[in-house]
Amino acid sequence: MSASAKFITDSFKRTKQVASLKQKLPVSDVKPSSSKDGSRREREISVLKQFDLTLDFGPCIGVTRLERWIRAEKHGLNPPKDVKELLEQHTDDPEYTEW
């Protein structure tokens, strides 16, 4: 960088071009869920996140939520039963099962 440069852009010229704002984004085929289902889902995910952030049930790195719940139960840490029920109801949804 030269001593006479006032701005960093004086020494390092821009090489990438900014994407055109006219370019359209792809439209998703996913239908929005109803607000009732959406708020229920948000509450359920919130319960699961609270479980994730509670260190009393052991570490959460590298294990699924259900594995963590089972391990906590095995060690007598009394994890919330509602968390297990949610995980068993949504076994195929990674948003529910994975941390």
Protein backbone atom coordinates (compact mmCIF):
# COMPACT_ATOMS: atom_id res chain seq x y z
CA MET A 1 0.00 0.00 0.00
CA SER A 2 1.46 3.31 -0.96
CA ALA A 3 1.84 6.17 1.52
CA SER A 4 -0.20 8.54 -0.65
CA ALA A 5 -3.32 6.34 -0.69
CA LYS A 6 -6.16 7.87 1.29
CA PHE A 7 -8.59 5.00 1.00
CA ILE A 8 -8.03 1.27 0.95
CA THR A 9 -9.84 1.14 -2.37
CA ASP A 10 -7.13 3.35 -3.87
CA SER A 11 -4.61 0.54 -3.39
CA PHE A 12 -6.88 -2.48 -3.76
CA LYS A 13 -9.19 -2.09 -6.70
CA ARG A 14 -12.51 -3.84 -6.66
CA THR A 15 -12.49 -7.05 -8.69
CA LYS A 16 -15.92 -8.54 -8.07
CA GLN A 17 -18.94 -7.13 -9.81
CA VAL A 18 -22.04 -6.50 -7.74
CA ALA A 19 -24.93 -8.74 -8.76
CA SER A 20 -27.65 -7.00 -10.65
CA LEU A 21 -30.63 -6.07 -8.53
CA LYS A 22 -32.86 -6.96 -11.47
CA GLN A 23 -31.90 -10.60 -11.16
CA LYS A 24 -34.79 -12.59 -9.69
CA LEU A 25 -34.34 -14.96 -6.79
CA PRO A 26 -35.69 -18.52 -7.18
CA VAL A 27 -39.17 -19.00 -5.80
CA SER A 28 -39.57 -21.67 -3.16
CA ASP A 29 -42.15 -24.40 -3.66
CA VAL A 30 -42.71 -24.71 0.08
CA LYS A 31 -46.15 -23.60 1.15
CA PRO A 32 -46.23 -21.40 4.21
CA SER A 33 -47.81 -23.11 7.19
CA SER A 34 -50.79 -21.58 8.90
CA SER A 35 -50.05 -19.18 11.73
CA LYS A 36 -51.51 -21.61 14.27
CA ASP A 37 -49.18 -24.43 13.18
CA GLY A 38 -46.28 -22.02 12.82
CA SER A 39 -46.60 -20.64 16.34
CA ARG A 40 -46.96 -24.16 17.75
CA ARG A 41 -43.84 -25.25 15.91
CA GLU A 42 -41.97 -22.18 17.15
CA ARG A 43 -42.94 -22.99 20.76
CA GLU A 44 -41.84 -26.61 20.34
CA ILE A 45 -38.50 -25.58 18.83
CA SER A 46 -38.09 -23.06 21.66
CA VAL A 47 -38.57 -25.86 24.23
CA LEU A 48 -35.96 -27.97 22.44
CA LYS A 49 -33.50 -25.06 22.27
CA GLN A 50 -33.96 -24.47 25.98
CA PHE A 51 -33.10 -28.16 26.52
CA ASP A 52 -30.01 -27.69 24.33
CA LEU A 53 -28.80 -24.72 26.34
CA THR A 54 -29.28 -26.37 29.73
CA LEU A 55 -25.87 -27.73 30.67
CA ASP A 56 -27.34 -29.79 33.53
CA PHE A 57 -28.14 -32.59 31.06
CA GLY A 58 -24.58 -33.01 29.84
CA PRO A 59 -22.75 -31.97 26.67
CA CYS A 60 -24.68 -31.64 23.42
CA ILE A 61 -21.86 -31.65 20.87
CA GLY A 62 -21.81 -34.64 18.54
CA VAL A 63 -25.08 -36.26 19.66
CA THR A 64 -28.69 -35.91 18.66
CA ARG A 65 -31.20 -34.45 21.08
CA LEU A 66 -32.74 -37.86 21.72
CA GLU A 67 -29.35 -39.44 22.42
CA ARG A 68 -28.61 -36.63 24.85
CA TRP A 69 -32.00 -37.06 26.51
CA ILE A 70 -31.47 -40.84 26.90
CA ARG A 71 -27.97 -40.30 28.30
CA ALA A 72 -29.28 -37.74 30.81
CA GLU A 73 -32.05 -40.14 31.87
CA LYS A 74 -29.52 -42.96 32.24
CA HIS A 75 -27.39 -40.82 34.56
CA GLY A 76 -30.38 -39.77 36.67
CA LEU A 77 -30.40 -36.13 35.58
CA ASN A 78 -34.21 -36.08 35.10
CA PRO A 79 -34.54 -34.45 31.66
CA PRO A 80 -37.98 -33.03 30.77
CA LYS A 81 -40.47 -35.66 29.59
CA ASP A 82 -42.07 -33.23 27.12
CA VAL A 83 -38.76 -32.99 25.25
CA LYS A 84 -38.74 -36.75 24.71
CA GLU A 85 -42.38 -36.67 23.56
CA LEU A 86 -41.59 -33.93 21.01
CA LEU A 87 -38.58 -35.86 19.73
CA GLU A 88 -40.59 -39.07 19.35
CA GLN A 89 -43.40 -37.25 17.51
CA HIS A 90 -41.00 -35.67 14.99
CA THR A 91 -38.41 -38.39 14.35
CA ASP A 92 -37.99 -37.50 10.66
CA ASP A 93 -37.62 -33.73 11.03
CA PRO A 94 -33.97 -32.68 11.48
CA GLU A 95 -35.03 -29.32 12.89
CA TYR A 96 -36.45 -31.22 15.86
CA THR A 97 -33.93 -34.04 16.19
CA GLU A 98 -30.59 -32.33 15.63
CA TRP A 99 -28.97 -29.56 17.66
